[in-house]
Amino acid sequence: MIPHARVLKLRSLELSYSTITITSLVESVTDKVFGVIYPPQVAVIGFDSITYQPLVHEGMLAIRPMLQVILAGDQRT
């Protein structure tokens, strides 16, 4: 059986319920988010607050603003 998406025959019901949830940890005391996906969600994206981290840039130590983004996705087909 060929899925509807592959033959370009999706019904409106199959397109209307999927969601992506975006969350921010800026005002939270936690530093990471691990998404729990409940149907009809397909992904959860979590944004951490900006922190300044040391890194090597062009052979020199530099302090740069860093933003951690965490993605949890549903792998079901």
PDB file of N, CA and C in Angstrom:
ATOM      1  N   MET A   1       0.838  -1.177   0.000  1.00  0.00           N
ATOM      2  CA  MET A   1       0.000   0.000   0.000  1.00  0.00           C
ATOM      3  C   MET A   1       0.888   1.247   0.000  1.00  0.00           C
ATOM      4  N   ILE A   2       0.688   2.163  -0.895  1.00  0.00           N
ATOM      5  CA  ILE A   2       1.480   3.377  -1.018  1.00  0.00           C
ATOM      6  C   ILE A   2       0.839   4.469  -0.152  1.00  0.00           C
ATOM      7  N   PRO A   3       1.645   5.130   0.733  1.00  0.00           N
ATOM      8  CA  PRO A   3       1.080   6.214   1.557  1.00  0.00           C
ATOM      9  C   PRO A   3       0.521   7.332   0.683  1.00  0.00           C
ATOM     10  N   HIS A   4      -0.506   7.985   1.192  1.00  0.00           N
ATOM     11  CA  HIS A   4      -1.158   9.064   0.443  1.00  0.00           C
ATOM     12  C   HIS A   4      -0.199  10.182   0.065  1.00  0.00           C
ATOM     13  N   ALA A   5       0.750  10.512   0.932  1.00  0.00           N
ATOM     14  CA  ALA A   5       1.661  11.622   0.655  1.00  0.00           C
ATOM     15  C   ALA A   5       2.530  11.348  -0.569  1.00  0.00           C
ATOM     16  N   ARG A   6       2.906  10.117  -0.784  1.00  0.00           N
ATOM     17  CA  ARG A   6       3.777   9.789  -1.919  1.00  0.00           C
ATOM     18  C   ARG A   6       3.074   9.911  -3.260  1.00  0.00           C
ATOM     19  N   VAL A   7       1.782   9.753  -3.266  1.00  0.00           N
ATOM     20  CA  VAL A   7       1.040   9.874  -4.526  1.00  0.00           C
ATOM     21  C   VAL A   7       0.266  11.191  -4.586  1.00  0.00           C
ATOM     22  N   LEU A   8       0.617  12.118  -3.673  1.00  0.00           N
ATOM     23  CA  LEU A   8       0.017  13.459  -3.630  1.00  0.00           C
ATOM     24  C   LEU A   8      -1.504  13.437  -3.507  1.00  0.00           C
ATOM     25  N   LYS A   9      -2.013  12.563  -2.667  1.00  0.00           N
ATOM     26  CA  LYS A   9      -3.456  12.424  -2.471  1.00  0.00           C
ATOM     27  C   LYS A   9      -3.832  12.569  -0.994  1.00  0.00           C
ATOM     28  N   LEU A  10      -3.199  13.505  -0.278  1.00  0.00           N
ATOM     29  CA  LEU A  10      -3.531  13.699   1.128  1.00  0.00           C
ATOM     30  C   LEU A  10      -4.907  14.332   1.276  1.00  0.00           C
ATOM     31  N   ARG A  11      -5.637  13.882   2.285  1.00  0.00           N
ATOM     32  CA  ARG A  11      -6.928  14.470   2.605  1.00  0.00           C
ATOM     33  C   ARG A  11      -6.726  15.615   3.587  1.00  0.00           C
ATOM     34  N   SER A  12      -7.643  16.549   3.647  1.00  0.00           N
ATOM     35  CA  SER A  12      -7.500  17.700   4.539  1.00  0.00           C
ATOM     36  C   SER A  12      -7.397  17.258   5.992  1.00  0.00           C
ATOM     37  N   LEU A  13      -8.058  16.191   6.382  1.00  0.00           N
ATOM     38  CA  LEU A  13      -7.982  15.682   7.745  1.00  0.00           C
ATOM     39  C   LEU A  13      -6.553  15.263   8.085  1.00  0.00           C
ATOM     40  N   GLU A  14      -5.812  14.744   7.121  1.00  0.00           N
ATOM     41  CA  GLU A  14      -4.443  14.299   7.358  1.00  0.00           C
ATOM     42  C   GLU A  14      -3.459  15.466   7.461  1.00  0.00           C
ATOM     43  N   LEU A  15      -3.863  16.655   7.109  1.00  0.00           N
ATOM     44  CA  LEU A  15      -2.987  17.823   7.146  1.00  0.00           C
ATOM     45  C   LEU A  15      -3.286  18.774   8.291  1.00  0.00           C
ATOM     46  N   SER A  16      -4.407  18.626   8.952  1.00  0.00           N
ATOM     47  CA  SER A  16      -4.878  19.676   9.847  1.00  0.00           C
ATOM     48  C   SER A  16      -4.472  19.534  11.302  1.00  0.00           C
ATOM     49  N   TYR A  17      -3.944  18.426  11.749  1.00  0.00           N
ATOM     50  CA  TYR A  17      -3.759  18.256  13.177  1.00  0.00           C
ATOM     51  C   TYR A  17      -2.315  18.251  13.673  1.00  0.00           C
ATOM     52  N   SER A  18      -1.355  18.092  12.829  1.00  0.00           N
ATOM     53  CA  SER A  18       0.028  18.035  13.290  1.00  0.00           C
ATOM     54  C   SER A  18       0.489  19.395  13.790  1.00  0.00           C
ATOM     55  N   THR A  19       1.245  19.380  14.888  1.00  0.00           N
ATOM     56  CA  THR A  19       1.734  20.631  15.461  1.00  0.00           C
ATOM     57  C   THR A  19       3.188  20.489  15.889  1.00  0.00           C
ATOM     58  N   ILE A  20       3.847  21.628  15.971  1.00  0.00           N
ATOM     59  CA  ILE A  20       5.179  21.714  16.557  1.00  0.00           C
ATOM     60  C   ILE A  20       5.064  22.655  17.745  1.00  0.00           C
ATOM     61  N   THR A  21       5.522  22.216  18.905  1.00  0.00           N
ATOM     62  CA  THR A  21       5.471  23.026  20.106  1.00  0.00           C
ATOM     63  C   THR A  21       6.829  23.680  20.326  1.00  0.00           C
ATOM     64  N   ILE A  22       6.824  24.972  20.616  1.00  0.00           N
ATOM     65  CA  ILE A  22       8.047  25.706  20.901  1.00  0.00           C
ATOM     66  C   ILE A  22       7.996  26.157  22.350  1.00  0.00           C
ATOM     67  N   THR A  23       9.084  25.907  23.080  1.00  0.00           N
ATOM     68  CA  THR A  23       9.151  26.301  24.477  1.00  0.00           C
ATOM     69  C   THR A  23      10.439  27.067  24.725  1.00  0.00           C
ATOM     70  N   SER A  24      10.411  27.923  25.710  1.00  0.00           N
ATOM     71  CA  SER A  24      11.574  28.737  26.049  1.00  0.00           C
ATOM     72  C   SER A  24      11.931  28.515  27.508  1.00  0.00           C
ATOM     73  N   LEU A  25      13.224  28.431  27.785  1.00  0.00           N
ATOM     74  CA  LEU A  25      13.686  28.233  29.154  1.00  0.00           C
ATOM     75  C   LEU A  25      14.259  29.503  29.753  1.00  0.00           C
ATOM     76  N   VAL A  26      14.012  30.627  29.139  1.00  0.00           N
ATOM     77  CA  VAL A  26      14.627  31.890  29.552  1.00  0.00           C
ATOM     78  C   VAL A  26      14.291  32.235  30.994  1.00  0.00           C
ATOM     79  N   GLU A  27      13.058  32.086  31.399  1.00  0.00           N
ATOM     80  CA  GLU A  27      12.649  32.459  32.757  1.00  0.00           C
ATOM     81  C   GLU A  27      12.522  31.254  33.680  1.00  0.00           C
ATOM     82  N   SER A  28      13.178  30.172  33.343  1.00  0.00           N
ATOM     83  CA  SER A  28      13.083  28.943  34.113  1.00  0.00           C
ATOM     84  C   SER A  28      14.385  28.694  34.870  1.00  0.00           C
ATOM     85  N   VAL A  29      14.308  27.878  35.920  1.00  0.00           N
ATOM     86  CA  VAL A  29      15.514  27.516  36.661  1.00  0.00           C
ATOM     87  C   VAL A  29      16.200  26.297  36.067  1.00  0.00           C
ATOM     88  N   THR A  30      15.579  25.651  35.094  1.00  0.00           N
ATOM     89  CA  THR A  30      16.192  24.501  34.431  1.00  0.00           C
ATOM     90  C   THR A  30      17.083  24.977  33.294  1.00  0.00           C
ATOM     91  N   ASP A  31      17.992  24.111  32.877  1.00  0.00           N
ATOM     92  CA  ASP A  31      18.881  24.498  31.789  1.00  0.00           C
ATOM     93  C   ASP A  31      18.724  23.626  30.549  1.00  0.00           C
ATOM     94  N   LYS A  32      17.866  22.625  30.605  1.00  0.00           N
ATOM     95  CA  LYS A  32      17.618  21.777  29.442  1.00  0.00           C
ATOM     96  C   LYS A  32      16.147  21.365  29.426  1.00  0.00           C
ATOM     97  N   VAL A  33      15.663  21.086  28.227  1.00  0.00           N
ATOM     98  CA  VAL A  33      14.308  20.579  28.095  1.00  0.00           C
ATOM     99  C   VAL A  33      14.367  19.302  27.254  1.00  0.00           C
ATOM    100  N   PHE A  34      13.648  18.301  27.675  1.00  0.00           N
ATOM    101  CA  PHE A  34      13.530  17.065  26.916  1.00  0.00           C
ATOM    102  C   PHE A  34      12.049  16.874  26.635  1.00  0.00           C
ATOM    103  N   GLY A  35      11.695  16.977  25.377  1.00  0.00           N
ATOM    104  CA  GLY A  35      10.294  16.990  24.999  1.00  0.00           C
ATOM    105  C   GLY A  35       9.613  15.648  25.110  1.00  0.00           C
ATOM    106  N   VAL A  36       8.394  15.686  25.585  1.00  0.00           N
ATOM    107  CA  VAL A  36       7.502  14.525  25.563  1.00  0.00           C
ATOM    108  C   VAL A  36       6.454  14.841  24.517  1.00  0.00           C
ATOM    109  N   ILE A  37       6.392  14.020  23.500  1.00  0.00           N
ATOM    110  CA  ILE A  37       5.522  14.303  22.361  1.00  0.00           C
ATOM    111  C   ILE A  37       4.218  13.534  22.506  1.00  0.00           C
ATOM    112  N   TYR A  38       3.132  14.278  22.515  1.00  0.00           N
ATOM    113  CA  TYR A  38       1.808  13.681  22.568  1.00  0.00           C
ATOM    114  C   TYR A  38       1.136  13.921  21.228  1.00  0.00           C
ATOM    115  N   PRO A  39       0.594  12.871  20.607  1.00  0.00           N
ATOM    116  CA  PRO A  39      -0.090  13.069  19.325  1.00  0.00           C
ATOM    117  C   PRO A  39      -1.184  14.107  19.475  1.00  0.00           C
ATOM    118  N   PRO A  40      -1.371  14.980  18.543  1.00  0.00           N
ATOM    119  CA  PRO A  40      -0.845  15.017  17.183  1.00  0.00           C
ATOM    120  C   PRO A  40       0.445  15.822  17.020  1.00  0.00           C
ATOM    121  N   GLN A  41       1.163  16.121  18.114  1.00  0.00           N
ATOM    122  CA  GLN A  41       2.425  16.828  17.968  1.00  0.00           C
ATOM    123  C   GLN A  41       3.398  15.987  17.148  1.00  0.00           C
ATOM    124  N   VAL A  42       4.263  16.670  16.406  1.00  0.00           N
ATOM    125  CA  VAL A  42       5.301  15.968  15.661  1.00  0.00           C
ATOM    126  C   VAL A  42       6.684  16.343  16.163  1.00  0.00           C
ATOM    127  N   ALA A  43       6.805  17.450  16.907  1.00  0.00           N
ATOM    128  CA  ALA A  43       8.106  17.860  17.433  1.00  0.00           C
ATOM    129  C   ALA A  43       7.930  18.871  18.557  1.00  0.00           C
ATOM    130  N   VAL A  44       8.959  18.926  19.407  1.00  0.00           N
ATOM    131  CA  VAL A  44       9.054  19.939  20.450  1.00  0.00           C
ATOM    132  C   VAL A  44      10.425  20.585  20.295  1.00  0.00           C
ATOM    133  N   ILE A  45      10.456  21.921  20.241  1.00  0.00           N
ATOM    134  CA  ILE A  45      11.709  22.654  20.124  1.00  0.00           C
ATOM    135  C   ILE A  45      11.859  23.504  21.372  1.00  0.00           C
ATOM    136  N   GLY A  46      12.992  23.339  22.062  1.00  0.00           N
ATOM    137  CA  GLY A  46      13.249  24.096  23.276  1.00  0.00           C
ATOM    138  C   GLY A  46      14.423  25.041  23.093  1.00  0.00           C
ATOM    139  N   PHE A  47      14.250  26.303  23.485  1.00  0.00           N
ATOM    140  CA  PHE A  47      15.303  27.302  23.393  1.00  0.00           C
ATOM    141  C   PHE A  47      15.784  27.654  24.792  1.00  0.00           C
ATOM    142  N   ASP A  48      17.087  27.580  24.988  1.00  0.00           N
ATOM    143  CA  ASP A  48      17.703  27.959  26.246  1.00  0.00           C
ATOM    144  C   ASP A  48      17.977  29.456  26.223  1.00  0.00           C
ATOM    145  N   SER A  49      18.352  30.028  27.351  1.00  0.00           N
ATOM    146  CA  SER A  49      18.737  31.440  27.359  1.00  0.00           C
ATOM    147  C   SER A  49      20.164  31.585  26.815  1.00  0.00           C
ATOM    148  N   ILE A  50      20.507  32.772  26.389  1.00  0.00           N
ATOM    149  CA  ILE A  50      21.834  33.034  25.836  1.00  0.00           C
ATOM    150  C   ILE A  50      22.835  33.094  26.979  1.00  0.00           C
ATOM    151  N   THR A  51      23.916  32.338  26.839  1.00  0.00           N
ATOM    152  CA  THR A  51      25.014  32.377  27.800  1.00  0.00           C
ATOM    153  C   THR A  51      26.297  32.679  27.049  1.00  0.00           C
ATOM    154  N   TYR A  52      27.288  33.160  27.760  1.00  0.00           N
ATOM    155  CA  TYR A  52      28.580  33.457  27.143  1.00  0.00           C
ATOM    156  C   TYR A  52      29.543  32.329  27.465  1.00  0.00           C
ATOM    157  N   GLN A  53      30.074  31.701  26.412  1.00  0.00           N
ATOM    158  CA  GLN A  53      30.917  30.518  26.545  1.00  0.00           C
ATOM    159  C   GLN A  53      32.271  30.755  25.884  1.00  0.00           C
ATOM    160  N   PRO A  54      33.346  30.192  26.463  1.00  0.00           N
ATOM    161  CA  PRO A  54      34.649  30.293  25.806  1.00  0.00           C
ATOM    162  C   PRO A  54      34.720  29.317  24.634  1.00  0.00           C
ATOM    163  N   LEU A  55      35.371  29.752  23.551  1.00  0.00           N
ATOM    164  CA  LEU A  55      35.615  28.874  22.416  1.00  0.00           C
ATOM    165  C   LEU A  55      36.833  29.380  21.655  1.00  0.00           C
ATOM    166  N   VAL A  56      37.393  28.510  20.828  1.00  0.00           N
ATOM    167  CA  VAL A  56      38.546  28.885  20.019  1.00  0.00           C
ATOM    168  C   VAL A  56      38.039  29.408  18.684  1.00  0.00           C
ATOM    169  N   HIS A  57      38.452  30.630  18.345  1.00  0.00           N
ATOM    170  CA  HIS A  57      38.049  31.260  17.091  1.00  0.00           C
ATOM    171  C   HIS A  57      39.298  31.797  16.411  1.00  0.00           C
ATOM    172  N   GLU A  58      39.613  31.269  15.238  1.00  0.00           N
ATOM    173  CA  GLU A  58      40.799  31.648  14.469  1.00  0.00           C
ATOM    174  C   GLU A  58      42.074  31.521  15.299  1.00  0.00           C
ATOM    175  N   GLY A  59      42.167  30.430  16.044  1.00  0.00           N
ATOM    176  CA  GLY A  59      43.357  30.138  16.825  1.00  0.00           C
ATOM    177  C   GLY A  59      43.474  30.891  18.135  1.00  0.00           C
ATOM    178  N   MET A  60      42.488  31.681  18.486  1.00  0.00           N
ATOM    179  CA  MET A  60      42.536  32.445  19.726  1.00  0.00           C
ATOM    180  C   MET A  60      41.316  32.125  20.589  1.00  0.00           C
ATOM    181  N   LEU A  61      41.503  32.227  21.892  1.00  0.00           N
ATOM    182  CA  LEU A  61      40.404  32.010  22.814  1.00  0.00           C
ATOM    183  C   LEU A  61      39.487  33.229  22.795  1.00  0.00           C
ATOM    184  N   ALA A  62      38.200  32.991  22.641  1.00  0.00           N
ATOM    185  CA  ALA A  62      37.231  34.081  22.577  1.00  0.00           C
ATOM    186  C   ALA A  62      36.011  33.721  23.422  1.00  0.00           C
ATOM    187  N   ILE A  63      35.322  34.723  23.877  1.00  0.00           N
ATOM    188  CA  ILE A  63      34.059  34.536  24.599  1.00  0.00           C
ATOM    189  C   ILE A  63      32.944  34.945  23.644  1.00  0.00           C
ATOM    190  N   ARG A  64      32.022  34.026  23.377  1.00  0.00           N
ATOM    191  CA  ARG A  64      30.955  34.273  22.414  1.00  0.00           C
ATOM    192  C   ARG A  64      29.599  33.933  23.023  1.00  0.00           C
ATOM    193  N   PRO A  65      28.563  34.653  22.609  1.00  0.00           N
ATOM    194  CA  PRO A  65      27.211  34.285  23.065  1.00  0.00           C
ATOM    195  C   PRO A  65      26.777  32.987  22.397  1.00  0.00           C
ATOM    196  N   MET A  66      26.212  32.097  23.173  1.00  0.00           N
ATOM    197  CA  MET A  66      25.778  30.794  22.675  1.00  0.00           C
ATOM    198  C   MET A  66      24.312  30.579  23.050  1.00  0.00           C
ATOM    199  N   LEU A  67      23.594  29.922  22.175  1.00  0.00           N
ATOM    200  CA  LEU A  67      22.192  29.583  22.413  1.00  0.00           C
ATOM    201  C   LEU A  67      22.030  28.102  22.135  1.00  0.00           C
ATOM    202  N   GLN A  68      21.553  27.365  23.118  1.00  0.00           N
ATOM    203  CA  GLN A  68      21.324  25.942  22.939  1.00  0.00           C
ATOM    204  C   GLN A  68      19.886  25.720  22.501  1.00  0.00           C
ATOM    205  N   VAL A  69      19.719  24.930  21.428  1.00  0.00           N
ATOM    206  CA  VAL A  69      18.399  24.582  20.903  1.00  0.00           C
ATOM    207  C   VAL A  69      18.277  23.068  20.948  1.00  0.00           C
ATOM    208  N   ILE A  70      17.194  22.584  21.528  1.00  0.00           N
ATOM    209  CA  ILE A  70      16.973  21.145  21.653  1.00  0.00           C
ATOM    210  C   ILE A  70      15.729  20.771  20.852  1.00  0.00           C
ATOM    211  N   LEU A  71      15.868  19.745  20.019  1.00  0.00           N
ATOM    212  CA  LEU A  71      14.763  19.288  19.177  1.00  0.00           C
ATOM    213  C   LEU A  71      14.431  17.849  19.532  1.00  0.00           C
ATOM    214  N   ALA A  72      13.175  17.589  19.821  1.00  0.00           N
ATOM    215  CA  ALA A  72      12.675  16.224  20.022  1.00  0.00           C
ATOM    216  C   ALA A  72      11.641  16.001  18.921  1.00  0.00           C
ATOM    217  N   GLY A  73      11.846  14.958  18.136  1.00  0.00           N
ATOM    218  CA  GLY A  73      10.945  14.697  17.010  1.00  0.00           C
ATOM    219  C   GLY A  73      10.351  13.304  17.059  1.00  0.00           C
ATOM    220  N   ASP A  74       9.200  13.164  16.461  1.00  0.00           N
ATOM    221  CA  ASP A  74       8.510  11.883  16.375  1.00  0.00           C
ATOM    222  C   ASP A  74       8.977  11.183  15.112  1.00  0.00           C
ATOM    223  N   GLN A  75       9.505   9.968  15.256  1.00  0.00           N
ATOM    224  CA  GLN A  75      10.080   9.256  14.114  1.00  0.00           C
ATOM    225  C   GLN A  75       9.074   8.350  13.395  1.00  0.00           C
ATOM    226  N   ARG A  76       7.855   8.297  13.857  1.00  0.00           N
ATOM    227  CA  ARG A  76       6.871   7.412  13.218  1.00  0.00           C
ATOM    228  C   ARG A  76       6.591   7.860  11.792  1.00  0.00           C
ATOM    229  N   THR A  77       6.340   6.906  10.932  1.00  0.00           N
ATOM    230  CA  THR A  77       6.009   7.238   9.532  1.00  0.00           C
ATOM    231  C   THR A  77       4.571   6.954   9.237  1.00  0.00           C
TER     232      THR A  77
END
